[in-house]
Every structure is written in C-alpha cells, then in structure tokens.
Amino acid sequence: MTALVRPAHGRVIAGVCAALARRFGVSATTMRVIFLLSCLLPGPQFLLYLALWILLPSEERAAPSAW
C-alpha cells in the first residue's frame, strides 16, 4: 500500500478521492462514484471529506518517507 497523501496530478477538487483510490488500489473514478453515492445516505460524509482535505498532506509537500 502507498502512503496516504493527496496526489499532485489527477485531482478534481482536492485530491481526497484520488488519494483514497491510490491507497486502496481502485480507480479514482470508482472512488468518486462511491463517495457521491454515499452522500445519498445520512451521515457526516461531507464533513469527513473536508477533514481529510485539511489533514492529508499534499504529495508535493509530503516529506519522503524513510520506509
């Protein structure tokens, strides 16, 4: 698995779905569709997206890992 960072390329809004897709090995489009469908359910999906946007480092700013 790769590190959870927002990619520099392939973003649509903030890169959160692209980062999650890369982490779990699915396409970014699939992850975006899953997110949009989950917004139809009650819950804090949009707040979680905003929190990940703030908390996940951008790929260009992330320090290289020693692992």
Protein backbone atom coordinates (compact mmCIF):
# COMPACT_ATOMS: atom_id res chain seq x y z
CA MET A 1 0.00 0.00 0.00
CA THR A 2 1.14 3.52 -0.67
CA ALA A 3 1.23 6.45 1.71
CA LEU A 4 -1.97 8.38 2.16
CA VAL A 5 -1.17 11.72 0.50
CA ARG A 6 -3.18 13.84 -1.90
CA PRO A 7 -1.63 13.47 -5.38
CA ALA A 8 -0.24 16.45 -7.25
CA HIS A 9 -1.79 15.28 -10.53
CA GLY A 10 -5.19 13.70 -11.15
CA ARG A 11 -7.11 15.83 -8.68
CA VAL A 12 -10.60 17.07 -9.34
CA ILE A 13 -11.36 19.17 -6.27
CA ALA A 14 -8.87 18.45 -3.51
CA GLY A 15 -7.46 15.04 -4.37
CA VAL A 16 -9.04 13.23 -1.45
CA CYS A 17 -10.82 10.62 -3.59
CA ALA A 18 -7.70 10.19 -5.73
CA ALA A 19 -5.61 9.63 -2.59
CA LEU A 20 -8.05 7.05 -1.21
CA ALA A 21 -8.25 5.33 -4.60
CA ARG A 22 -4.48 5.09 -4.83
CA ARG A 23 -4.29 3.78 -1.25
CA PHE A 24 -6.87 1.02 -1.82
CA GLY A 25 -5.88 0.15 -5.40
CA VAL A 26 -9.05 1.19 -7.23
CA SER A 27 -9.60 3.79 -9.92
CA ALA A 28 -10.21 7.38 -8.90
CA THR A 29 -13.46 7.40 -10.84
CA THR A 30 -14.74 4.42 -8.85
CA MET A 31 -13.85 6.14 -5.58
CA ARG A 32 -15.61 9.34 -6.68
CA VAL A 33 -18.77 7.41 -7.59
CA ILE A 34 -18.67 5.63 -4.23
CA PHE A 35 -18.35 8.98 -2.47
CA LEU A 36 -21.23 10.51 -4.42
CA LEU A 37 -23.45 7.51 -3.70
CA SER A 38 -22.53 7.63 -0.02
CA CYS A 39 -23.71 11.25 0.09
CA LEU A 40 -27.24 9.94 -0.51
CA LEU A 41 -27.07 8.17 2.86
CA PRO A 42 -27.39 10.05 6.14
CA GLY A 43 -24.08 10.74 7.85
CA PRO A 44 -21.09 13.03 8.01
CA GLN A 45 -19.54 12.14 4.62
CA PHE A 46 -19.06 15.73 3.51
CA LEU A 47 -17.52 16.70 6.86
CA LEU A 48 -15.19 13.71 6.63
CA TYR A 49 -14.16 14.81 3.13
CA LEU A 50 -13.40 18.32 4.41
CA ALA A 51 -11.42 16.92 7.35
CA LEU A 52 -9.35 14.72 5.03
CA TRP A 53 -8.76 17.69 2.74
CA ILE A 54 -7.29 19.59 5.68
CA LEU A 55 -5.43 16.71 7.34
CA LEU A 56 -3.92 14.84 4.39
CA PRO A 57 -0.67 16.34 3.19
CA SER A 58 -0.24 17.19 -0.45
CA GLU A 59 2.17 14.98 -2.37
CA GLU A 60 4.34 17.96 -3.24
CA ARG A 61 4.67 18.95 0.44
CA ALA A 62 4.95 15.48 1.97
CA ALA A 63 8.42 14.63 3.20
CA PRO A 64 9.92 11.49 1.69
CA SER A 65 9.45 8.54 3.99
CA ALA A 66 12.38 6.52 5.32
CA TRP A 67 10.39 3.34 4.75
